[in-house]
Amino acid sequence: MQRIAALIRRGLERTAALWPDVRRAYRWLRAAASILANRAGLDATGVQARYERLLAAWAERRGEAGTLAGAVDRFMRVTASYRPGLFHCYRVEGLPRTDNALEQLFGAHRHHERRATGRKAASPALVLRGAVRLVAGVVTRAHPVSARELAVADRRRWSELRAGLERRRRARVMRRRFRRDPDAYLARLEQRLLQPTLPA
């Protein structure tokens, strides 16, 4: 226990000069998080205006961040890249501010898929049919689907979706055949192209 305390003390002593910059940058981050939390209940325009004023102040006072000035620059660059979609959640009722729940949803599906198949990586079927399998997995875990709900499905859209999935599967099969034996694949393709067509 004494060794751990000594190690922590030594670490704090060696990094003591960095802490004022860390405290200042942390205050700035807390201010940004507070604006985005929007406890004041502002609309999207109000949140965006407050946030942009904060970023402008950061840009002016960048030098005060000391050793963390580079981190401030990076934060500004990343924020600029996210800016087009950063304020949608304040415009659309019920839209979450982060995609954490969505990531957890995908992670849970991947976990169930691995347990069911015994694979360590995502199954090829999930890659090919993810648009259908993921939605079906999420819906059936949320509540059991009744025959009545399935009966009202649009058969035309269902057929189009199946045809699209089949095109993707077929393209994947052809890529695999090409990778296995490119010469034989190209020879078959050339033979098909050179076959004389029958007159109509």
N, C-alpha and C. Protein backbone atom coordinates (compact mmCIF):
# COMPACT_ATOMS: atom_id res chain seq x y z
N MET A 1 0.82 -1.20 0.00
CA MET A 1 0.00 0.00 0.00
C MET A 1 0.87 1.26 0.00
N GLN A 2 1.96 1.22 0.76
CA GLN A 2 2.85 2.38 0.82
C GLN A 2 3.52 2.62 -0.53
N ARG A 3 3.83 1.51 -1.23
CA ARG A 3 4.46 1.66 -2.55
C ARG A 3 3.52 2.34 -3.52
N ILE A 4 2.22 1.98 -3.46
CA ILE A 4 1.23 2.60 -4.35
C ILE A 4 1.09 4.09 -4.04
N ALA A 5 1.03 4.42 -2.73
CA ALA A 5 0.92 5.83 -2.33
C ALA A 5 2.13 6.62 -2.79
N ALA A 6 3.32 6.03 -2.66
CA ALA A 6 4.55 6.71 -3.10
C ALA A 6 4.55 6.90 -4.61
N LEU A 7 4.07 5.90 -5.33
CA LEU A 7 4.01 5.98 -6.78
C LEU A 7 3.06 7.09 -7.22
N ILE A 8 1.90 7.17 -6.57
CA ILE A 8 0.92 8.22 -6.90
C ILE A 8 1.50 9.60 -6.57
N ARG A 9 2.13 9.71 -5.40
CA ARG A 9 2.72 11.00 -4.99
C ARG A 9 3.79 11.44 -5.99
N ARG A 10 4.64 10.49 -6.40
CA ARG A 10 5.70 10.82 -7.36
C ARG A 10 5.11 11.26 -8.70
N GLY A 11 4.04 10.56 -9.13
CA GLY A 11 3.39 10.93 -10.38
C GLY A 11 2.77 12.31 -10.32
N LEU A 12 2.14 12.63 -9.20
CA LEU A 12 1.54 13.96 -9.04
C LEU A 12 2.60 15.06 -9.01
N GLU A 13 3.72 14.78 -8.35
CA GLU A 13 4.80 15.77 -8.29
C GLU A 13 5.37 16.04 -9.68
N ARG A 14 5.55 14.97 -10.47
CA ARG A 14 6.15 15.14 -11.80
C ARG A 14 5.21 15.81 -12.78
N THR A 15 3.89 15.69 -12.55
CA THR A 15 2.93 16.30 -13.49
C THR A 15 2.31 17.57 -12.92
N ALA A 16 2.81 18.07 -11.82
CA ALA A 16 2.22 19.24 -11.16
C ALA A 16 2.11 20.44 -12.09
N ALA A 17 3.11 20.62 -12.96
CA ALA A 17 3.10 21.79 -13.86
C ALA A 17 1.98 21.70 -14.90
N LEU A 18 1.48 20.51 -15.16
CA LEU A 18 0.45 20.33 -16.19
C LEU A 18 -0.96 20.60 -15.67
N TRP A 19 -1.17 20.49 -14.34
CA TRP A 19 -2.52 20.54 -13.81
C TRP A 19 -3.27 21.85 -14.04
N PRO A 20 -2.63 23.03 -13.97
CA PRO A 20 -3.41 24.26 -14.25
C PRO A 20 -4.02 24.25 -15.65
N ASP A 21 -3.26 23.75 -16.66
CA ASP A 21 -3.79 23.68 -18.02
C ASP A 21 -4.95 22.69 -18.10
N VAL A 22 -4.80 21.56 -17.40
CA VAL A 22 -5.85 20.54 -17.41
C VAL A 22 -7.12 21.09 -16.78
N ARG A 23 -6.98 21.80 -15.63
CA ARG A 23 -8.17 22.36 -14.97
C ARG A 23 -8.88 23.36 -15.87
N ARG A 24 -8.09 24.23 -16.51
CA ARG A 24 -8.70 25.24 -17.38
C ARG A 24 -9.42 24.58 -18.55
N ALA A 25 -8.77 23.62 -19.23
CA ALA A 25 -9.39 22.94 -20.37
C ALA A 25 -10.62 22.16 -19.93
N TYR A 26 -10.56 21.58 -18.73
CA TYR A 26 -11.71 20.82 -18.22
C TYR A 26 -12.90 21.76 -18.00
N ARG A 27 -12.65 22.96 -17.49
CA ARG A 27 -13.74 23.94 -17.32
C ARG A 27 -14.37 24.27 -18.66
N TRP A 28 -13.54 24.43 -19.69
CA TRP A 28 -14.05 24.73 -21.02
C TRP A 28 -14.92 23.58 -21.53
N LEU A 29 -14.46 22.35 -21.31
CA LEU A 29 -15.24 21.19 -21.76
C LEU A 29 -16.56 21.08 -21.00
N ARG A 30 -16.52 21.38 -19.70
CA ARG A 30 -17.75 21.35 -18.91
C ARG A 30 -18.74 22.39 -19.44
N ALA A 31 -18.25 23.56 -19.84
CA ALA A 31 -19.12 24.60 -20.40
C ALA A 31 -19.75 24.11 -21.71
N ALA A 32 -18.95 23.45 -22.56
CA ALA A 32 -19.48 22.92 -23.83
C ALA A 32 -20.54 21.85 -23.56
N ALA A 33 -20.27 20.95 -22.61
CA ALA A 33 -21.22 19.89 -22.28
C ALA A 33 -22.51 20.48 -21.71
N SER A 34 -22.38 21.55 -20.92
CA SER A 34 -23.56 22.19 -20.33
C SER A 34 -24.44 22.80 -21.42
N ILE A 35 -23.81 23.44 -22.41
CA ILE A 35 -24.59 24.03 -23.51
C ILE A 35 -25.32 22.93 -24.28
N LEU A 36 -24.62 21.84 -24.59
CA LEU A 36 -25.22 20.76 -25.38
C LEU A 36 -26.28 20.01 -24.58
N ALA A 37 -26.16 19.96 -23.25
CA ALA A 37 -27.20 19.33 -22.44
C ALA A 37 -28.51 20.11 -22.51
N ASN A 38 -28.41 21.41 -22.78
CA ASN A 38 -29.56 22.29 -23.03
C ASN A 38 -30.59 22.25 -21.91
N ARG A 39 -30.12 22.42 -20.68
CA ARG A 39 -31.05 22.46 -19.55
C ARG A 39 -31.93 23.71 -19.60
N ALA A 40 -31.47 24.72 -20.33
CA ALA A 40 -32.26 25.95 -20.46
C ALA A 40 -33.45 25.76 -21.40
N GLY A 41 -33.48 24.66 -22.15
CA GLY A 41 -34.60 24.38 -23.05
C GLY A 41 -34.65 25.26 -24.27
N LEU A 42 -33.49 25.68 -24.77
CA LEU A 42 -33.44 26.53 -25.97
C LEU A 42 -33.78 25.72 -27.21
N ASP A 43 -34.17 26.42 -28.28
CA ASP A 43 -34.38 25.72 -29.54
C ASP A 43 -33.02 25.51 -30.22
N ALA A 44 -33.03 24.84 -31.37
CA ALA A 44 -31.78 24.49 -32.05
C ALA A 44 -30.93 25.71 -32.37
N THR A 45 -31.57 26.79 -32.80
CA THR A 45 -30.84 28.01 -33.16
C THR A 45 -30.16 28.60 -31.93
N GLY A 46 -30.86 28.60 -30.79
CA GLY A 46 -30.29 29.14 -29.56
C GLY A 46 -29.11 28.32 -29.07
N VAL A 47 -29.23 26.99 -29.11
CA VAL A 47 -28.12 26.12 -28.68
C VAL A 47 -26.93 26.33 -29.59
N GLN A 48 -27.18 26.38 -30.90
CA GLN A 48 -26.09 26.55 -31.85
C GLN A 48 -25.39 27.90 -31.65
N ALA A 49 -26.16 28.95 -31.43
CA ALA A 49 -25.56 30.28 -31.23
C ALA A 49 -24.68 30.30 -29.97
N ARG A 50 -25.19 29.73 -28.86
CA ARG A 50 -24.38 29.68 -27.62
C ARG A 50 -23.11 28.87 -27.81
N TYR A 51 -23.24 27.73 -28.51
CA TYR A 51 -22.09 26.86 -28.70
C TYR A 51 -21.04 27.53 -29.59
N GLU A 52 -21.48 28.22 -30.62
CA GLU A 52 -20.53 28.89 -31.51
C GLU A 52 -19.85 30.07 -30.81
N ARG A 53 -20.57 30.76 -29.91
CA ARG A 53 -19.92 31.82 -29.12
C ARG A 53 -18.84 31.22 -28.22
N LEU A 54 -19.13 30.06 -27.63
CA LEU A 54 -18.13 29.40 -26.79
C LEU A 54 -16.89 29.02 -27.60
N LEU A 55 -17.11 28.45 -28.79
CA LEU A 55 -15.97 28.06 -29.63
C LEU A 55 -15.16 29.27 -30.08
N ALA A 56 -15.84 30.37 -30.35
CA ALA A 56 -15.12 31.60 -30.72
C ALA A 56 -14.26 32.08 -29.55
N ALA A 57 -14.79 32.00 -28.33
CA ALA A 57 -14.01 32.38 -27.15
C ALA A 57 -12.81 31.45 -26.98
N TRP A 58 -13.00 30.15 -27.24
CA TRP A 58 -11.87 29.21 -27.17
C TRP A 58 -10.78 29.60 -28.16
N ALA A 59 -11.20 29.94 -29.37
CA ALA A 59 -10.22 30.29 -30.41
C ALA A 59 -9.42 31.52 -29.99
N GLU A 60 -10.11 32.50 -29.38
CA GLU A 60 -9.41 33.72 -28.93
C GLU A 60 -8.46 33.44 -27.77
N ARG A 61 -8.87 32.54 -26.87
CA ARG A 61 -8.09 32.28 -25.65
C ARG A 61 -7.29 30.98 -25.73
N ARG A 62 -7.06 30.52 -26.95
CA ARG A 62 -6.34 29.25 -27.16
C ARG A 62 -5.02 29.20 -26.42
N GLY A 63 -4.30 30.31 -26.40
CA GLY A 63 -2.99 30.37 -25.73
C GLY A 63 -3.07 30.08 -24.25
N GLU A 64 -4.22 30.36 -23.62
CA GLU A 64 -4.37 30.12 -22.19
C GLU A 64 -4.39 28.63 -21.85
N ALA A 65 -4.59 27.79 -22.87
CA ALA A 65 -4.62 26.35 -22.63
C ALA A 65 -3.22 25.78 -22.44
N GLY A 66 -2.19 26.58 -22.70
CA GLY A 66 -0.81 26.17 -22.47
C GLY A 66 -0.45 24.91 -23.24
N THR A 67 -0.07 23.87 -22.52
CA THR A 67 0.36 22.62 -23.16
C THR A 67 -0.77 21.92 -23.89
N LEU A 68 -2.02 22.30 -23.60
CA LEU A 68 -3.17 21.65 -24.25
C LEU A 68 -3.71 22.46 -25.43
N ALA A 69 -2.95 23.43 -25.91
CA ALA A 69 -3.40 24.23 -27.06
C ALA A 69 -3.64 23.34 -28.28
N GLY A 70 -2.78 22.35 -28.48
CA GLY A 70 -2.97 21.42 -29.60
C GLY A 70 -4.27 20.63 -29.46
N ALA A 71 -4.60 20.25 -28.22
CA ALA A 71 -5.85 19.52 -27.98
C ALA A 71 -7.06 20.41 -28.28
N VAL A 72 -6.95 21.70 -27.96
CA VAL A 72 -8.03 22.64 -28.27
C VAL A 72 -8.21 22.72 -29.78
N ASP A 73 -7.10 22.81 -30.52
CA ASP A 73 -7.19 22.85 -31.98
C ASP A 73 -7.89 21.61 -32.52
N ARG A 74 -7.51 20.46 -31.98
CA ARG A 74 -8.13 19.21 -32.45
C ARG A 74 -9.62 19.19 -32.13
N PHE A 75 -9.99 19.64 -30.93
CA PHE A 75 -11.40 19.69 -30.55
C PHE A 75 -12.17 20.57 -31.53
N MET A 76 -11.59 21.70 -31.90
CA MET A 76 -12.25 22.62 -32.84
C MET A 76 -12.42 21.97 -34.21
N ARG A 77 -11.38 21.24 -34.67
CA ARG A 77 -11.47 20.57 -35.98
C ARG A 77 -12.54 19.49 -35.97
N VAL A 78 -12.55 18.66 -34.94
CA VAL A 78 -13.53 17.58 -34.85
C VAL A 78 -14.95 18.15 -34.75
N THR A 79 -15.11 19.20 -33.94
CA THR A 79 -16.43 19.83 -33.81
C THR A 79 -16.89 20.38 -35.14
N ALA A 80 -15.97 20.98 -35.91
CA ALA A 80 -16.33 21.51 -37.23
C ALA A 80 -16.79 20.39 -38.15
N SER A 81 -16.17 19.22 -38.05
CA SER A 81 -16.57 18.11 -38.92
C SER A 81 -17.94 17.57 -38.53
N TYR A 82 -18.30 17.64 -37.24
CA TYR A 82 -19.61 17.16 -36.79
C TYR A 82 -20.69 18.22 -36.88
N ARG A 83 -20.31 19.46 -37.09
CA ARG A 83 -21.26 20.57 -36.99
C ARG A 83 -22.52 20.43 -37.84
N PRO A 84 -22.45 19.92 -39.10
CA PRO A 84 -23.69 19.83 -39.89
C PRO A 84 -24.79 19.02 -39.21
N GLY A 85 -24.45 18.00 -38.43
CA GLY A 85 -25.48 17.19 -37.79
C GLY A 85 -25.56 17.34 -36.29
N LEU A 86 -24.80 18.28 -35.75
CA LEU A 86 -24.67 18.40 -34.30
C LEU A 86 -25.93 18.90 -33.61
N PHE A 87 -26.76 19.65 -34.32
CA PHE A 87 -27.90 20.30 -33.66
C PHE A 87 -29.26 19.75 -34.11
N HIS A 88 -29.27 18.66 -34.89
CA HIS A 88 -30.54 18.08 -35.34
C HIS A 88 -31.39 17.61 -34.16
N CYS A 89 -30.73 17.11 -33.12
CA CYS A 89 -31.50 16.55 -31.99
C CYS A 89 -32.34 17.62 -31.29
N TYR A 90 -32.00 18.89 -31.49
CA TYR A 90 -32.78 19.96 -30.87
C TYR A 90 -33.93 20.39 -31.78
N ARG A 91 -33.87 19.97 -33.05
CA ARG A 91 -34.94 20.31 -34.00
C ARG A 91 -36.01 19.22 -34.05
N VAL A 92 -35.57 17.95 -33.86
CA VAL A 92 -36.48 16.81 -34.02
C VAL A 92 -36.84 16.27 -32.64
N GLU A 93 -38.12 16.27 -32.35
CA GLU A 93 -38.61 15.79 -31.05
C GLU A 93 -38.27 14.31 -30.86
N GLY A 94 -37.67 13.96 -29.73
CA GLY A 94 -37.38 12.57 -29.40
C GLY A 94 -36.10 12.01 -30.00
N LEU A 95 -35.40 12.79 -30.81
CA LEU A 95 -34.15 12.31 -31.41
C LEU A 95 -33.05 12.37 -30.35
N PRO A 96 -32.37 11.23 -30.07
CA PRO A 96 -31.34 11.25 -29.03
C PRO A 96 -30.15 12.13 -29.43
N ARG A 97 -29.47 12.67 -28.41
CA ARG A 97 -28.31 13.54 -28.67
C ARG A 97 -27.08 12.75 -29.09
N THR A 98 -27.00 11.47 -28.69
CA THR A 98 -25.85 10.64 -29.06
C THR A 98 -26.35 9.36 -29.71
N ASP A 99 -25.42 8.63 -30.34
CA ASP A 99 -25.78 7.35 -30.94
C ASP A 99 -25.35 6.19 -30.04
N ASN A 100 -25.16 6.46 -28.74
CA ASN A 100 -24.74 5.40 -27.81
C ASN A 100 -25.75 4.25 -27.77
N ALA A 101 -27.03 4.57 -27.71
CA ALA A 101 -28.05 3.53 -27.64
C ALA A 101 -28.04 2.68 -28.92
N LEU A 102 -27.80 3.34 -30.05
CA LEU A 102 -27.74 2.63 -31.33
C LEU A 102 -26.52 1.69 -31.36
N GLU A 103 -25.39 2.18 -30.86
CA GLU A 103 -24.20 1.33 -30.80
C GLU A 103 -24.42 0.14 -29.88
N GLN A 104 -25.11 0.36 -28.76
CA GLN A 104 -25.41 -0.76 -27.85
C GLN A 104 -26.35 -1.76 -28.52
N LEU A 105 -27.29 -1.26 -29.31
CA LEU A 105 -28.21 -2.13 -30.03
C LEU A 105 -27.44 -3.01 -31.01
N PHE A 106 -26.54 -2.40 -31.80
CA PHE A 106 -25.74 -3.18 -32.76
C PHE A 106 -24.84 -4.18 -32.03
N GLY A 107 -24.27 -3.74 -30.90
CA GLY A 107 -23.40 -4.63 -30.12
C GLY A 107 -24.16 -5.82 -29.58
N ALA A 108 -25.38 -5.59 -29.09
CA ALA A 108 -26.20 -6.70 -28.58
C ALA A 108 -26.55 -7.67 -29.69
N HIS A 109 -26.89 -7.13 -30.86
CA HIS A 109 -27.22 -8.01 -31.99
C HIS A 109 -25.99 -8.84 -32.40
N ARG A 110 -24.84 -8.19 -32.46
CA ARG A 110 -23.61 -8.91 -32.82
C ARG A 110 -23.32 -10.01 -31.80
N HIS A 111 -23.54 -9.71 -30.52
CA HIS A 111 -23.31 -10.69 -29.46
C HIS A 111 -24.24 -11.90 -29.64
N HIS A 112 -25.54 -11.65 -29.89
CA HIS A 112 -26.49 -12.74 -30.09
C HIS A 112 -26.15 -13.54 -31.34
N GLU A 113 -25.74 -12.84 -32.38
CA GLU A 113 -25.37 -13.51 -33.63
C GLU A 113 -24.17 -14.44 -33.41
N ARG A 114 -23.19 -13.96 -32.66
CA ARG A 114 -22.01 -14.79 -32.38
C ARG A 114 -22.38 -16.01 -31.55
N ARG A 115 -23.24 -15.81 -30.55
CA ARG A 115 -23.64 -16.94 -29.70
C ARG A 115 -24.43 -17.97 -30.50
N ALA A 116 -25.27 -17.51 -31.40
CA ALA A 116 -26.09 -18.43 -32.18
C ALA A 116 -25.28 -19.21 -33.21
N THR A 117 -24.28 -18.55 -33.80
CA THR A 117 -23.51 -19.20 -34.88
C THR A 117 -22.21 -19.81 -34.38
N GLY A 118 -21.72 -19.39 -33.22
CA GLY A 118 -20.44 -19.88 -32.73
C GLY A 118 -19.25 -19.21 -33.40
N ARG A 119 -19.49 -18.20 -34.20
CA ARG A 119 -18.41 -17.49 -34.89
C ARG A 119 -17.86 -16.38 -34.02
N LYS A 120 -16.57 -16.07 -34.23
CA LYS A 120 -15.98 -14.94 -33.51
C LYS A 120 -16.21 -13.65 -34.27
N ALA A 121 -16.24 -13.72 -35.58
CA ALA A 121 -16.48 -12.53 -36.41
C ALA A 121 -17.93 -12.53 -36.88
N ALA A 122 -18.33 -11.42 -37.48
CA ALA A 122 -19.70 -11.33 -38.01
C ALA A 122 -19.88 -12.36 -39.11
N SER A 123 -21.05 -12.97 -39.15
CA SER A 123 -21.31 -13.98 -40.17
C SER A 123 -21.48 -13.31 -41.53
N PRO A 124 -21.12 -14.01 -42.60
CA PRO A 124 -21.32 -13.43 -43.94
C PRO A 124 -22.79 -13.11 -44.20
N ALA A 125 -23.69 -13.90 -43.62
CA ALA A 125 -25.12 -13.64 -43.82
C ALA A 125 -25.52 -12.29 -43.23
N LEU A 126 -24.92 -11.92 -42.11
CA LEU A 126 -25.23 -10.63 -41.50
C LEU A 126 -24.72 -9.50 -42.38
N VAL A 127 -23.55 -9.71 -42.99
CA VAL A 127 -23.00 -8.69 -43.89
C VAL A 127 -23.91 -8.53 -45.09
N LEU A 128 -24.36 -9.65 -45.66
CA LEU A 128 -25.19 -9.60 -46.86
C LEU A 128 -26.62 -9.17 -46.58
N ARG A 129 -27.19 -9.68 -45.50
CA ARG A 129 -28.61 -9.47 -45.23
C ARG A 129 -28.86 -8.64 -43.98
N GLY A 130 -27.87 -7.83 -43.60
CA GLY A 130 -27.98 -7.05 -42.38
C GLY A 130 -29.17 -6.12 -42.35
N ALA A 131 -29.52 -5.56 -43.52
CA ALA A 131 -30.64 -4.63 -43.58
C ALA A 131 -31.94 -5.30 -43.16
N VAL A 132 -32.02 -6.62 -43.34
CA VAL A 132 -33.22 -7.36 -42.97
C VAL A 132 -33.04 -8.04 -41.62
N ARG A 133 -31.92 -8.73 -41.45
CA ARG A 133 -31.71 -9.52 -40.23
C ARG A 133 -31.62 -8.65 -38.99
N LEU A 134 -30.97 -7.50 -39.11
CA LEU A 134 -30.83 -6.62 -37.96
C LEU A 134 -32.19 -6.08 -37.52
N VAL A 135 -32.96 -5.62 -38.50
CA VAL A 135 -34.30 -5.09 -38.18
C VAL A 135 -35.18 -6.19 -37.58
N ALA A 136 -35.14 -7.38 -38.19
CA ALA A 136 -35.95 -8.50 -37.67
C ALA A 136 -35.53 -8.88 -36.26
N GLY A 137 -34.22 -8.92 -36.02
CA GLY A 137 -33.73 -9.27 -34.68
C GLY A 137 -34.14 -8.26 -33.63
N VAL A 138 -34.06 -6.98 -33.98
CA VAL A 138 -34.42 -5.92 -33.03
C VAL A 138 -35.91 -5.95 -32.73
N VAL A 139 -36.72 -6.10 -33.78
CA VAL A 139 -38.17 -6.08 -33.60
C VAL A 139 -38.64 -7.28 -32.78
N THR A 140 -38.12 -8.47 -33.08
CA THR A 140 -38.58 -9.66 -32.36
C THR A 140 -38.10 -9.67 -30.92
N ARG A 141 -36.99 -9.00 -30.62
CA ARG A 141 -36.57 -8.91 -29.21
C ARG A 141 -37.42 -7.89 -28.47
N ALA A 142 -37.89 -6.88 -29.17
CA ALA A 142 -38.72 -5.86 -28.52
C ALA A 142 -40.09 -6.41 -28.17
N HIS A 143 -40.72 -7.13 -29.10
CA HIS A 143 -42.01 -7.77 -28.82
C HIS A 143 -42.25 -8.87 -29.85
N PRO A 144 -42.97 -9.93 -29.47
CA PRO A 144 -43.24 -11.01 -30.43
C PRO A 144 -44.09 -10.50 -31.60
N VAL A 145 -43.75 -10.94 -32.80
CA VAL A 145 -44.49 -10.51 -33.99
C VAL A 145 -45.61 -11.52 -34.24
N SER A 146 -46.82 -11.00 -34.39
CA SER A 146 -47.97 -11.88 -34.60
C SER A 146 -48.18 -12.16 -36.08
N ALA A 147 -48.94 -13.22 -36.37
CA ALA A 147 -49.27 -13.55 -37.76
C ALA A 147 -50.08 -12.42 -38.40
N ARG A 148 -50.91 -11.75 -37.61
CA ARG A 148 -51.71 -10.63 -38.13
C ARG A 148 -50.80 -9.50 -38.63
N GLU A 149 -49.72 -9.21 -37.88
CA GLU A 149 -48.78 -8.16 -38.31
C GLU A 149 -48.06 -8.56 -39.59
N LEU A 150 -47.71 -9.84 -39.70
CA LEU A 150 -47.02 -10.30 -40.91
C LEU A 150 -47.96 -10.31 -42.11
N ALA A 151 -49.25 -10.56 -41.89
CA ALA A 151 -50.20 -10.66 -42.99
C ALA A 151 -50.41 -9.33 -43.71
N VAL A 152 -50.20 -8.21 -43.02
CA VAL A 152 -50.45 -6.91 -43.65
C VAL A 152 -49.22 -6.37 -44.37
N ALA A 153 -48.17 -7.18 -44.46
CA ALA A 153 -46.94 -6.73 -45.13
C ALA A 153 -47.20 -6.50 -46.61
N ASP A 154 -46.50 -5.54 -47.19
CA ASP A 154 -46.62 -5.22 -48.61
C ASP A 154 -45.80 -6.24 -49.40
N ARG A 155 -46.50 -7.13 -50.12
CA ARG A 155 -45.81 -8.22 -50.84
C ARG A 155 -44.91 -7.68 -51.96
N ARG A 156 -45.31 -6.60 -52.61
CA ARG A 156 -44.50 -6.05 -53.70
C ARG A 156 -43.17 -5.55 -53.16
N ARG A 157 -43.22 -4.80 -52.05
CA ARG A 157 -41.97 -4.31 -51.43
C ARG A 157 -41.12 -5.46 -50.92
N TRP A 158 -41.78 -6.49 -50.37
CA TRP A 158 -41.07 -7.66 -49.89
C TRP A 158 -40.33 -8.34 -51.04
N SER A 159 -41.01 -8.49 -52.20
CA SER A 159 -40.38 -9.12 -53.38
C SER A 159 -39.21 -8.29 -53.88
N GLU A 160 -39.36 -6.97 -53.90
CA GLU A 160 -38.27 -6.10 -54.34
C GLU A 160 -37.07 -6.22 -53.40
N LEU A 161 -37.34 -6.26 -52.10
CA LEU A 161 -36.26 -6.39 -51.12
C LEU A 161 -35.54 -7.72 -51.28
N ARG A 162 -36.29 -8.79 -51.46
CA ARG A 162 -35.67 -10.11 -51.67
C ARG A 162 -34.84 -10.14 -52.93
N ALA A 163 -35.33 -9.51 -54.00
CA ALA A 163 -34.59 -9.47 -55.25
C ALA A 163 -33.27 -8.71 -55.07
N GLY A 164 -33.31 -7.59 -54.33
CA GLY A 164 -32.09 -6.82 -54.06
C GLY A 164 -31.08 -7.62 -53.25
N LEU A 165 -31.57 -8.33 -52.25
CA LEU A 165 -30.68 -9.18 -51.43
C LEU A 165 -30.07 -10.29 -52.27
N GLU A 166 -30.87 -10.86 -53.18
CA GLU A 166 -30.37 -11.94 -54.04
C GLU A 166 -29.30 -11.41 -54.99
N ARG A 167 -29.49 -10.18 -55.52
CA ARG A 167 -28.46 -9.58 -56.39
C ARG A 167 -27.14 -9.42 -55.63
N ARG A 168 -27.23 -8.96 -54.39
CA ARG A 168 -26.01 -8.81 -53.57
C ARG A 168 -25.35 -10.16 -53.31
N ARG A 169 -26.17 -11.19 -53.01
CA ARG A 169 -25.61 -12.51 -52.77
C ARG A 169 -24.93 -13.05 -54.01
N ARG A 170 -25.58 -12.87 -55.16
CA ARG A 170 -25.03 -13.36 -56.43
C ARG A 170 -23.70 -12.66 -56.75
N ALA A 171 -23.66 -11.35 -56.54
CA ALA A 171 -22.41 -10.61 -56.79
C ALA A 171 -21.30 -11.11 -55.89
N ARG A 172 -21.63 -11.43 -54.65
CA ARG A 172 -20.62 -11.95 -53.72
C ARG A 172 -20.10 -13.31 -54.17
N VAL A 173 -21.02 -14.16 -54.66
CA VAL A 173 -20.62 -15.48 -55.15
C VAL A 173 -19.67 -15.32 -56.33
N MET A 174 -19.99 -14.42 -57.25
CA MET A 174 -19.14 -14.22 -58.42
C MET A 174 -17.76 -13.68 -58.03
N ARG A 175 -17.72 -12.79 -57.05
CA ARG A 175 -16.41 -12.27 -56.58
C ARG A 175 -15.58 -13.40 -55.99
N ARG A 176 -16.25 -14.28 -55.22
CA ARG A 176 -15.53 -15.38 -54.60
C ARG A 176 -14.98 -16.33 -55.68
N ARG A 177 -15.79 -16.61 -56.69
CA ARG A 177 -15.32 -17.48 -57.77
C ARG A 177 -14.13 -16.86 -58.50
N PHE A 178 -14.20 -15.56 -58.71
CA PHE A 178 -13.09 -14.89 -59.39
C PHE A 178 -11.82 -14.97 -58.55
N ARG A 179 -11.95 -14.73 -57.24
CA ARG A 179 -10.76 -14.76 -56.37
C ARG A 179 -10.15 -16.16 -56.32
N ARG A 180 -11.00 -17.20 -56.34
CA ARG A 180 -10.48 -18.57 -56.26
C ARG A 180 -9.65 -18.94 -57.48
N ASP A 181 -10.17 -18.61 -58.67
CA ASP A 181 -9.47 -18.99 -59.91
C ASP A 181 -9.76 -17.93 -60.97
N PRO A 182 -9.00 -16.83 -60.96
CA PRO A 182 -9.28 -15.74 -61.90
C PRO A 182 -9.20 -16.16 -63.37
N ASP A 183 -8.23 -17.02 -63.71
CA ASP A 183 -8.07 -17.41 -65.11
C ASP A 183 -9.28 -18.19 -65.61
N ALA A 184 -9.74 -19.16 -64.81
CA ALA A 184 -10.90 -19.95 -65.22
C ALA A 184 -12.15 -19.08 -65.31
N TYR A 185 -12.30 -18.17 -64.37
CA TYR A 185 -13.47 -17.28 -64.36
C TYR A 185 -13.48 -16.42 -65.62
N LEU A 186 -12.32 -15.82 -65.94
CA LEU A 186 -12.24 -14.95 -67.12
C LEU A 186 -12.42 -15.76 -68.40
N ALA A 187 -11.91 -17.01 -68.43
CA ALA A 187 -12.08 -17.86 -69.62
C ALA A 187 -13.56 -18.17 -69.84
N ARG A 188 -14.30 -18.49 -68.75
CA ARG A 188 -15.73 -18.75 -68.88
C ARG A 188 -16.48 -17.51 -69.36
N LEU A 189 -16.10 -16.37 -68.81
CA LEU A 189 -16.74 -15.11 -69.20
C LEU A 189 -16.49 -14.81 -70.68
N GLU A 190 -15.24 -15.02 -71.11
CA GLU A 190 -14.89 -14.78 -72.52
C GLU A 190 -15.65 -15.73 -73.43
N GLN A 191 -15.78 -16.99 -73.01
CA GLN A 191 -16.51 -17.98 -73.81
C GLN A 191 -17.97 -17.57 -73.97
N ARG A 192 -18.57 -17.09 -72.90
CA ARG A 192 -19.96 -16.64 -72.97
C ARG A 192 -20.12 -15.44 -73.90
N LEU A 193 -19.15 -14.53 -73.87
CA LEU A 193 -19.22 -13.34 -74.72
C LEU A 193 -19.06 -13.69 -76.19
N LEU A 194 -18.23 -14.71 -76.46
CA LEU A 194 -17.95 -15.06 -77.87
C LEU A 194 -18.96 -16.03 -78.46
N GLN A 195 -19.88 -16.54 -77.63
CA GLN A 195 -20.90 -17.46 -78.16
C GLN A 195 -21.77 -16.73 -79.18
N PRO A 196 -21.98 -17.38 -80.32
CA PRO A 196 -22.86 -16.71 -81.30
C PRO A 196 -24.29 -16.67 -80.79
N THR A 197 -24.91 -15.53 -80.99
CA THR A 197 -26.31 -15.40 -80.54
C THR A 197 -27.22 -15.96 -81.62
N LEU A 198 -28.29 -16.57 -81.22
CA LEU A 198 -29.25 -17.11 -82.17
C LEU A 198 -30.07 -15.99 -82.78
N PRO A 199 -30.42 -16.12 -84.03
CA PRO A 199 -31.25 -15.05 -84.65
C PRO A 199 -32.63 -15.01 -84.00
N ALA A 200 -33.16 -13.82 -83.91
CA ALA A 200 -34.47 -13.66 -83.25
C ALA A 200 -35.58 -14.15 -84.15
